[in-house]
N, C-alpha and C. Protein backbone atom coordinates (compact mmCIF):
# COMPACT_ATOMS: atom_id res chain seq x y z
N MET A 1 45.65 134.13 73.89
CA MET A 1 44.68 134.82 74.72
C MET A 1 45.37 135.63 75.79
N ARG A 2 46.30 136.44 75.42
CA ARG A 2 47.06 137.18 76.40
C ARG A 2 46.79 138.66 76.24
N PRO A 3 46.12 139.27 77.24
CA PRO A 3 45.91 140.70 77.18
C PRO A 3 47.21 141.46 77.40
N ASP A 4 47.14 142.77 77.38
CA ASP A 4 48.31 143.60 77.63
C ASP A 4 48.89 143.28 79.00
N LYS A 5 50.10 143.80 79.24
CA LYS A 5 50.80 143.53 80.49
C LYS A 5 49.92 143.86 81.69
N THR A 6 49.91 142.97 82.64
CA THR A 6 49.16 143.18 83.87
C THR A 6 49.91 142.50 85.01
N THR A 7 49.61 142.90 86.20
CA THR A 7 50.29 142.30 87.33
C THR A 7 49.32 141.59 88.26
N CYS A 8 48.05 141.59 87.94
CA CYS A 8 47.05 140.99 88.82
C CYS A 8 46.15 140.06 88.02
N GLY A 9 45.98 138.85 88.51
CA GLY A 9 45.07 137.89 87.90
C GLY A 9 44.04 137.45 88.93
N ILE A 10 42.82 137.26 88.49
CA ILE A 10 41.75 136.82 89.38
C ILE A 10 41.37 135.41 88.96
N ILE A 11 41.37 134.51 89.91
CA ILE A 11 41.21 133.09 89.60
C ILE A 11 39.95 132.53 90.24
N ASP A 12 39.28 131.63 89.52
CA ASP A 12 38.09 130.98 90.06
C ASP A 12 37.78 129.74 89.23
N ALA A 13 36.84 128.93 89.72
CA ALA A 13 36.39 127.74 89.02
C ALA A 13 34.87 127.70 89.05
N GLN A 14 34.30 127.09 88.03
CA GLN A 14 32.84 126.98 87.92
C GLN A 14 32.51 125.52 87.61
N SER A 15 31.63 124.93 88.41
CA SER A 15 31.17 123.57 88.14
C SER A 15 29.99 123.63 87.19
N VAL A 16 30.00 122.74 86.20
CA VAL A 16 28.96 122.72 85.17
C VAL A 16 28.44 121.30 85.04
N GLN A 17 27.13 121.17 85.01
CA GLN A 17 26.50 119.87 84.88
C GLN A 17 26.73 119.30 83.48
N ASN A 18 26.89 117.99 83.39
CA ASN A 18 27.07 117.31 82.11
C ASN A 18 25.73 116.94 81.49
N ALA A 19 25.70 116.92 80.18
CA ALA A 19 24.59 116.32 79.46
C ALA A 19 24.88 114.81 79.36
N ASP A 20 23.92 114.05 78.87
CA ASP A 20 24.09 112.60 78.78
C ASP A 20 25.20 112.18 77.83
N THR A 21 25.55 113.03 76.88
CA THR A 21 26.53 112.67 75.86
C THR A 21 27.97 112.73 76.35
N ALA A 22 28.24 113.37 77.47
CA ALA A 22 29.61 113.57 77.94
C ALA A 22 30.22 112.25 78.40
N GLU A 23 31.45 112.01 77.98
CA GLU A 23 32.18 110.81 78.41
C GLU A 23 32.89 111.01 79.73
N GLU A 24 33.52 112.18 79.88
CA GLU A 24 34.35 112.43 81.04
C GLU A 24 33.59 113.27 82.04
N LYS A 25 33.41 112.73 83.23
CA LYS A 25 32.67 113.45 84.26
C LYS A 25 33.16 113.07 85.64
N GLY A 26 32.89 113.93 86.58
CA GLY A 26 33.22 113.69 87.97
C GLY A 26 32.12 114.31 88.81
N TYR A 27 32.21 114.14 90.12
CA TYR A 27 31.17 114.67 91.01
C TYR A 27 31.78 115.68 91.95
N ASP A 28 31.27 116.91 91.92
CA ASP A 28 31.69 117.97 92.84
C ASP A 28 30.74 117.93 94.03
N ALA A 29 31.22 117.38 95.15
CA ALA A 29 30.37 117.20 96.32
C ALA A 29 29.97 118.54 96.94
N GLY A 30 30.83 119.54 96.83
CA GLY A 30 30.50 120.85 97.40
C GLY A 30 29.33 121.53 96.72
N LYS A 31 29.28 121.43 95.40
CA LYS A 31 28.19 122.06 94.64
C LYS A 31 27.09 121.06 94.28
N LYS A 32 27.34 119.78 94.56
CA LYS A 32 26.40 118.70 94.24
C LYS A 32 26.10 118.67 92.74
N VAL A 33 27.17 118.68 91.94
CA VAL A 33 27.07 118.70 90.48
C VAL A 33 27.91 117.56 89.91
N SER A 34 27.32 116.80 89.01
CA SER A 34 28.05 115.79 88.28
C SER A 34 28.39 116.35 86.91
N GLY A 35 29.68 116.55 86.65
CA GLY A 35 30.06 117.15 85.38
C GLY A 35 31.52 117.53 85.32
N ILE A 36 31.76 118.78 84.90
CA ILE A 36 33.12 119.29 84.72
C ILE A 36 33.30 120.57 85.52
N LYS A 37 34.56 121.02 85.60
CA LYS A 37 34.88 122.32 86.19
C LYS A 37 35.64 123.14 85.16
N ARG A 38 35.27 124.40 85.05
CA ARG A 38 35.98 125.36 84.22
C ARG A 38 36.84 126.21 85.14
N HIS A 39 38.14 126.17 84.96
CA HIS A 39 39.08 126.99 85.73
C HIS A 39 39.50 128.15 84.85
N ILE A 40 39.57 129.33 85.44
CA ILE A 40 39.84 130.53 84.64
C ILE A 40 40.66 131.52 85.44
N VAL A 41 41.58 132.21 84.75
CA VAL A 41 42.30 133.35 85.30
C VAL A 41 42.00 134.52 84.37
N VAL A 42 41.48 135.61 84.93
CA VAL A 42 41.17 136.81 84.14
C VAL A 42 41.96 137.99 84.68
N ASP A 43 42.08 139.03 83.85
CA ASP A 43 42.70 140.26 84.32
C ASP A 43 41.62 141.14 84.94
N THR A 44 41.97 142.36 85.29
CA THR A 44 41.02 143.23 85.98
C THR A 44 39.89 143.72 85.08
N MET A 45 40.00 143.49 83.76
CA MET A 45 38.91 143.82 82.84
C MET A 45 38.02 142.62 82.57
N GLY A 46 38.39 141.46 83.07
CA GLY A 46 37.61 140.25 82.87
C GLY A 46 38.02 139.46 81.64
N LEU A 47 39.12 139.84 81.01
CA LEU A 47 39.60 139.14 79.82
C LEU A 47 40.47 137.95 80.24
N PRO A 48 40.35 136.83 79.55
CA PRO A 48 41.02 135.61 80.00
C PRO A 48 42.53 135.61 79.76
N HIS A 49 43.25 135.13 80.76
CA HIS A 49 44.69 134.88 80.65
C HIS A 49 44.92 133.39 80.45
N ALA A 50 44.16 132.58 81.18
CA ALA A 50 44.36 131.13 81.15
C ALA A 50 43.02 130.44 81.38
N LEU A 51 42.82 129.34 80.69
CA LEU A 51 41.61 128.53 80.82
C LEU A 51 42.02 127.08 81.00
N GLY A 52 41.21 126.36 81.76
CA GLY A 52 41.44 124.93 81.93
C GLY A 52 40.14 124.23 82.24
N ILE A 53 40.00 123.00 81.77
CA ILE A 53 38.81 122.19 82.02
C ILE A 53 39.26 120.89 82.67
N THR A 54 38.60 120.52 83.76
CA THR A 54 38.85 119.24 84.42
C THR A 54 37.51 118.60 84.75
N THR A 55 37.56 117.36 85.19
CA THR A 55 36.34 116.76 85.69
C THR A 55 36.00 117.41 87.02
N ALA A 56 34.75 117.33 87.43
CA ALA A 56 34.30 118.08 88.61
C ALA A 56 34.88 117.56 89.92
N ASN A 57 35.38 116.33 89.93
CA ASN A 57 35.94 115.80 91.18
C ASN A 57 37.31 116.36 91.51
N VAL A 58 37.95 117.07 90.59
CA VAL A 58 39.24 117.71 90.84
C VAL A 58 39.00 118.97 91.68
N THR A 59 39.78 119.15 92.74
CA THR A 59 39.59 120.33 93.59
C THR A 59 39.98 121.60 92.84
N ASP A 60 39.48 122.72 93.33
CA ASP A 60 39.82 124.01 92.71
C ASP A 60 41.32 124.24 92.71
N ARG A 61 41.98 123.92 93.83
CA ARG A 61 43.43 124.14 93.94
C ARG A 61 44.21 123.26 92.97
N GLN A 62 43.85 121.99 92.86
CA GLN A 62 44.55 121.09 91.94
C GLN A 62 44.34 121.52 90.49
N GLY A 63 43.10 121.86 90.14
CA GLY A 63 42.81 122.28 88.78
C GLY A 63 43.49 123.58 88.42
N ALA A 64 43.55 124.51 89.38
CA ALA A 64 44.20 125.79 89.12
C ALA A 64 45.71 125.61 88.91
N ALA A 65 46.32 124.76 89.72
CA ALA A 65 47.76 124.52 89.57
C ALA A 65 48.05 123.89 88.21
N GLU A 66 47.25 122.94 87.78
CA GLU A 66 47.45 122.30 86.48
C GLU A 66 47.23 123.31 85.35
N MET A 67 46.21 124.15 85.48
CA MET A 67 45.93 125.18 84.48
C MET A 67 47.12 126.15 84.38
N MET A 68 47.70 126.52 85.51
CA MET A 68 48.85 127.43 85.49
C MET A 68 50.05 126.79 84.80
N ARG A 69 50.27 125.50 85.05
CA ARG A 69 51.38 124.81 84.38
C ARG A 69 51.19 124.80 82.87
N GLN A 70 49.96 124.57 82.42
CA GLN A 70 49.68 124.49 80.99
C GLN A 70 49.71 125.85 80.30
N ASN A 71 49.46 126.93 81.03
CA ASN A 71 49.37 128.27 80.46
C ASN A 71 50.43 129.20 81.02
N LEU A 72 51.58 128.68 81.36
CA LEU A 72 52.62 129.45 82.03
C LEU A 72 53.05 130.68 81.24
N GLU A 73 53.17 130.57 79.94
CA GLU A 73 53.63 131.73 79.15
C GLU A 73 52.60 132.86 79.17
N ASN A 74 51.32 132.56 79.29
CA ASN A 74 50.29 133.60 79.36
C ASN A 74 50.25 134.27 80.74
N LEU A 75 50.84 133.63 81.73
CA LEU A 75 50.79 134.15 83.09
C LEU A 75 52.13 134.74 83.53
N SER A 76 53.04 134.96 82.61
CA SER A 76 54.38 135.41 82.97
C SER A 76 54.40 136.80 83.58
N GLU A 77 53.45 137.66 83.25
CA GLU A 77 53.42 139.02 83.79
C GLU A 77 52.63 139.13 85.10
N VAL A 78 51.92 138.09 85.48
CA VAL A 78 51.08 138.13 86.68
C VAL A 78 51.95 137.99 87.91
N ARG A 79 51.82 138.93 88.83
CA ARG A 79 52.59 138.91 90.07
C ARG A 79 51.74 138.56 91.29
N LYS A 80 50.41 138.71 91.16
CA LYS A 80 49.53 138.40 92.28
C LYS A 80 48.22 137.84 91.75
N PHE A 81 47.75 136.76 92.38
CA PHE A 81 46.46 136.18 92.06
C PHE A 81 45.49 136.49 93.19
N ILE A 82 44.32 136.96 92.84
CA ILE A 82 43.25 137.17 93.81
C ILE A 82 42.30 135.99 93.69
N ALA A 83 41.98 135.36 94.82
CA ALA A 83 41.17 134.15 94.80
C ALA A 83 40.20 134.15 95.96
N ASP A 84 39.21 133.24 95.88
CA ASP A 84 38.26 133.11 96.99
C ASP A 84 38.79 132.09 98.01
N GLY A 85 38.00 131.80 99.01
CA GLY A 85 38.43 130.95 100.11
C GLY A 85 38.78 129.53 99.73
N SER A 86 38.29 129.05 98.58
CA SER A 86 38.60 127.67 98.20
C SER A 86 40.07 127.50 97.78
N TYR A 87 40.79 128.60 97.62
CA TYR A 87 42.20 128.55 97.25
C TYR A 87 43.12 128.86 98.43
N SER A 88 42.59 128.85 99.64
CA SER A 88 43.41 129.19 100.80
C SER A 88 44.32 128.03 101.16
N GLY A 89 45.35 128.35 101.88
CA GLY A 89 46.28 127.33 102.36
C GLY A 89 47.67 127.52 101.80
N ASP A 90 48.65 127.17 102.61
CA ASP A 90 50.06 127.29 102.22
C ASP A 90 50.47 126.38 101.06
N PRO A 91 49.97 125.14 100.98
CA PRO A 91 50.40 124.30 99.86
C PRO A 91 50.07 124.90 98.49
N PHE A 92 48.88 125.49 98.35
CA PHE A 92 48.52 126.10 97.07
C PHE A 92 49.36 127.35 96.82
N ALA A 93 49.54 128.18 97.83
CA ALA A 93 50.35 129.39 97.67
C ALA A 93 51.78 129.03 97.27
N GLN A 94 52.33 127.98 97.88
CA GLN A 94 53.68 127.55 97.54
C GLN A 94 53.73 126.99 96.11
N ALA A 95 52.70 126.26 95.71
CA ALA A 95 52.66 125.72 94.34
C ALA A 95 52.63 126.85 93.32
N VAL A 96 51.88 127.91 93.60
CA VAL A 96 51.81 129.06 92.69
C VAL A 96 53.17 129.75 92.62
N ARG A 97 53.83 129.90 93.76
CA ARG A 97 55.17 130.51 93.76
C ARG A 97 56.14 129.66 92.94
N ASP A 98 56.05 128.34 93.07
CA ASP A 98 56.94 127.46 92.33
C ASP A 98 56.65 127.49 90.83
N ILE A 99 55.39 127.56 90.46
CA ILE A 99 55.00 127.50 89.05
C ILE A 99 55.29 128.80 88.33
N CYS A 100 54.80 129.92 88.88
CA CYS A 100 54.95 131.19 88.14
C CYS A 100 55.50 132.34 88.99
N GLY A 101 55.93 132.08 90.19
CA GLY A 101 56.57 133.11 90.98
C GLY A 101 55.65 134.21 91.47
N ALA A 102 54.38 133.94 91.59
CA ALA A 102 53.41 134.95 92.02
C ALA A 102 52.90 134.62 93.42
N GLU A 103 52.31 135.62 94.05
CA GLU A 103 51.71 135.40 95.36
C GLU A 103 50.20 135.25 95.21
N VAL A 104 49.57 134.71 96.23
CA VAL A 104 48.12 134.50 96.22
C VAL A 104 47.50 135.31 97.35
N GLU A 105 46.52 136.14 97.00
CA GLU A 105 45.76 136.89 98.00
C GLU A 105 44.36 136.30 98.05
N VAL A 106 44.00 135.73 99.20
CA VAL A 106 42.69 135.12 99.36
C VAL A 106 41.74 136.15 99.95
N VAL A 107 40.66 136.42 99.22
CA VAL A 107 39.63 137.36 99.68
C VAL A 107 38.53 136.52 100.29
N LYS A 108 38.38 136.60 101.60
CA LYS A 108 37.39 135.78 102.30
C LYS A 108 36.14 136.60 102.59
N ARG A 109 35.06 135.88 102.67
CA ARG A 109 33.81 136.53 103.07
C ARG A 109 33.93 136.92 104.54
N ASN A 110 33.32 138.04 104.87
CA ASN A 110 33.33 138.42 106.28
C ASN A 110 32.24 137.65 107.01
N GLU A 111 32.11 137.88 108.25
CA GLU A 111 31.18 137.11 109.07
C GLU A 111 29.73 137.55 108.92
N GLN A 112 29.46 138.60 108.16
CA GLN A 112 28.08 139.05 108.03
C GLN A 112 27.28 138.06 107.19
N HIS A 113 26.01 137.98 107.47
CA HIS A 113 25.14 137.08 106.72
C HIS A 113 24.49 137.87 105.59
N GLY A 114 24.25 137.20 104.49
CA GLY A 114 23.64 137.87 103.35
C GLY A 114 24.64 138.12 102.25
N PHE A 115 24.22 138.85 101.24
CA PHE A 115 25.05 139.10 100.07
C PHE A 115 25.99 140.27 100.29
N ALA A 116 27.22 140.11 99.87
CA ALA A 116 28.19 141.19 99.90
C ALA A 116 29.12 141.04 98.70
N VAL A 117 29.39 142.11 98.00
CA VAL A 117 30.31 142.08 96.87
C VAL A 117 31.73 142.06 97.40
N LEU A 118 32.50 141.06 96.99
CA LEU A 118 33.88 140.95 97.43
C LEU A 118 34.76 141.74 96.48
N PRO A 119 35.74 142.48 97.01
CA PRO A 119 36.59 143.31 96.16
C PRO A 119 37.27 142.51 95.06
N LYS A 120 37.18 142.99 93.83
CA LYS A 120 37.82 142.43 92.64
C LYS A 120 37.28 141.05 92.24
N ARG A 121 36.65 140.32 93.14
CA ARG A 121 36.17 138.97 92.83
C ARG A 121 35.00 139.00 91.86
N TRP A 122 34.25 140.07 91.83
CA TRP A 122 33.11 140.14 90.94
C TRP A 122 33.53 140.12 89.47
N VAL A 123 34.77 140.48 89.18
CA VAL A 123 35.24 140.52 87.79
C VAL A 123 35.23 139.12 87.18
N VAL A 124 35.71 138.13 87.91
CA VAL A 124 35.73 136.77 87.38
C VAL A 124 34.31 136.21 87.30
N GLU A 125 33.46 136.59 88.22
CA GLU A 125 32.06 136.14 88.17
C GLU A 125 31.36 136.74 86.95
N ARG A 126 31.69 137.97 86.60
CA ARG A 126 31.13 138.58 85.40
C ARG A 126 31.60 137.84 84.15
N SER A 127 32.85 137.40 84.15
CA SER A 127 33.35 136.62 83.01
C SER A 127 32.60 135.31 82.88
N PHE A 128 32.30 134.65 84.00
CA PHE A 128 31.49 133.44 83.94
C PHE A 128 30.08 133.77 83.44
N GLY A 129 29.57 134.93 83.80
CA GLY A 129 28.27 135.37 83.29
C GLY A 129 28.28 135.54 81.78
N TRP A 130 29.38 136.07 81.25
CA TRP A 130 29.51 136.18 79.79
C TRP A 130 29.46 134.80 79.15
N LEU A 131 30.13 133.84 79.77
CA LEU A 131 30.11 132.48 79.23
C LEU A 131 28.72 131.87 79.29
N ASP A 132 27.98 132.17 80.35
CA ASP A 132 26.65 131.60 80.49
C ASP A 132 25.69 132.08 79.41
N LYS A 133 26.02 133.20 78.76
CA LYS A 133 25.16 133.69 77.68
C LYS A 133 25.33 132.87 76.40
N ALA A 134 26.41 132.10 76.33
CA ALA A 134 26.60 131.22 75.18
C ALA A 134 25.70 130.00 75.38
N ARG A 135 24.76 129.82 74.49
CA ARG A 135 23.74 128.79 74.64
C ARG A 135 24.35 127.40 74.80
N ARG A 136 25.41 127.14 74.11
CA ARG A 136 26.01 125.81 74.13
C ARG A 136 26.72 125.51 75.46
N LEU A 137 27.00 126.53 76.26
CA LEU A 137 27.76 126.31 77.50
C LEU A 137 26.89 126.22 78.75
N TRP A 138 25.58 126.26 78.62
CA TRP A 138 24.75 126.19 79.82
C TRP A 138 24.90 124.84 80.51
N LYS A 139 25.20 123.80 79.72
CA LYS A 139 25.56 122.47 80.20
C LYS A 139 26.77 122.04 79.39
N ASN A 140 27.48 121.06 79.90
CA ASN A 140 28.59 120.52 79.13
C ASN A 140 28.04 119.46 78.19
N CYS A 141 27.94 119.78 76.92
CA CYS A 141 27.40 118.87 75.91
C CYS A 141 28.50 118.14 75.15
N GLU A 142 29.75 118.42 75.45
CA GLU A 142 30.86 117.85 74.69
C GLU A 142 31.27 116.50 75.28
N ARG A 143 31.75 115.61 74.41
CA ARG A 143 32.16 114.29 74.88
C ARG A 143 33.53 114.34 75.55
N LYS A 144 34.43 115.16 75.06
CA LYS A 144 35.81 115.22 75.56
C LYS A 144 36.08 116.57 76.21
N LEU A 145 37.01 116.57 77.17
CA LEU A 145 37.35 117.80 77.87
C LEU A 145 37.98 118.83 76.95
N HIS A 146 38.83 118.41 76.01
CA HIS A 146 39.47 119.39 75.13
C HIS A 146 38.44 120.05 74.20
N ASN A 147 37.36 119.35 73.87
CA ASN A 147 36.29 119.99 73.09
C ASN A 147 35.57 121.05 73.92
N SER A 148 35.38 120.77 75.21
CA SER A 148 34.76 121.75 76.09
C SER A 148 35.62 123.00 76.20
N LEU A 149 36.93 122.81 76.29
CA LEU A 149 37.85 123.95 76.35
C LEU A 149 37.76 124.79 75.08
N GLN A 150 37.69 124.14 73.93
CA GLN A 150 37.58 124.89 72.67
C GLN A 150 36.28 125.68 72.59
N MET A 151 35.19 125.13 73.12
CA MET A 151 33.92 125.86 73.11
C MET A 151 33.99 127.09 74.01
N VAL A 152 34.68 126.98 75.13
CA VAL A 152 34.85 128.13 76.02
C VAL A 152 35.69 129.20 75.32
N ILE A 153 36.74 128.78 74.64
CA ILE A 153 37.58 129.74 73.89
C ILE A 153 36.76 130.44 72.82
N LEU A 154 35.94 129.69 72.09
CA LEU A 154 35.08 130.31 71.07
C LEU A 154 34.09 131.29 71.69
N ALA A 155 33.55 130.96 72.85
CA ALA A 155 32.62 131.88 73.52
C ALA A 155 33.32 133.17 73.92
N PHE A 156 34.56 133.07 74.42
CA PHE A 156 35.30 134.28 74.76
C PHE A 156 35.66 135.09 73.53
N ILE A 157 35.95 134.44 72.43
CA ILE A 157 36.21 135.17 71.18
C ILE A 157 34.97 135.97 70.78
N ALA A 158 33.79 135.33 70.89
CA ALA A 158 32.55 136.03 70.56
C ALA A 158 32.33 137.23 71.49
N VAL A 159 32.64 137.06 72.78
CA VAL A 159 32.52 138.18 73.73
C VAL A 159 33.44 139.31 73.33
N LEU A 160 34.68 138.99 72.99
CA LEU A 160 35.64 140.01 72.61
C LEU A 160 35.22 140.74 71.33
N ILE A 161 34.69 140.01 70.38
CA ILE A 161 34.23 140.65 69.13
C ILE A 161 33.09 141.62 69.41
N ARG A 162 32.17 141.21 70.28
CA ARG A 162 31.03 142.09 70.61
C ARG A 162 31.44 143.31 71.43
N ARG A 163 32.39 143.14 72.33
CA ARG A 163 32.74 144.21 73.27
C ARG A 163 33.73 145.22 72.72
N PHE A 164 34.63 144.81 71.84
CA PHE A 164 35.71 145.71 71.44
C PHE A 164 35.69 146.02 69.98
């Protein structure tokens, strides 16, 4: 799942509620969701570079670092990651430098109230929107995390077939 050479990756995580059949689950207190988290790195077109699935109790930073370790060869061309405020802090930035030698740019919301489109961040949200169109992914119906990862990969394959 490696697009053409790029130097910018956009990273985010999405918490997804579990169905009753799921064996592995955690609780994301921030989103108040019991289930899993989908971690994703996309390029500026929204195409996936790296995917990872963890239980929801894993923080965004921990899950992203583990995803980067598992998908290091797909991230070799990435020199900068754009992320939201949940990825802020020196420990995560240092972990990214150690893992793949890239820097992290955190795009924070400004102090205004209401909706505002954050630069480049909408690309990863659009990719999550593509996944939400896959009927099987509206909830985590899989018993194992690796099965959930395979379903996400299949959904992205379907997106790519339709779009290109």
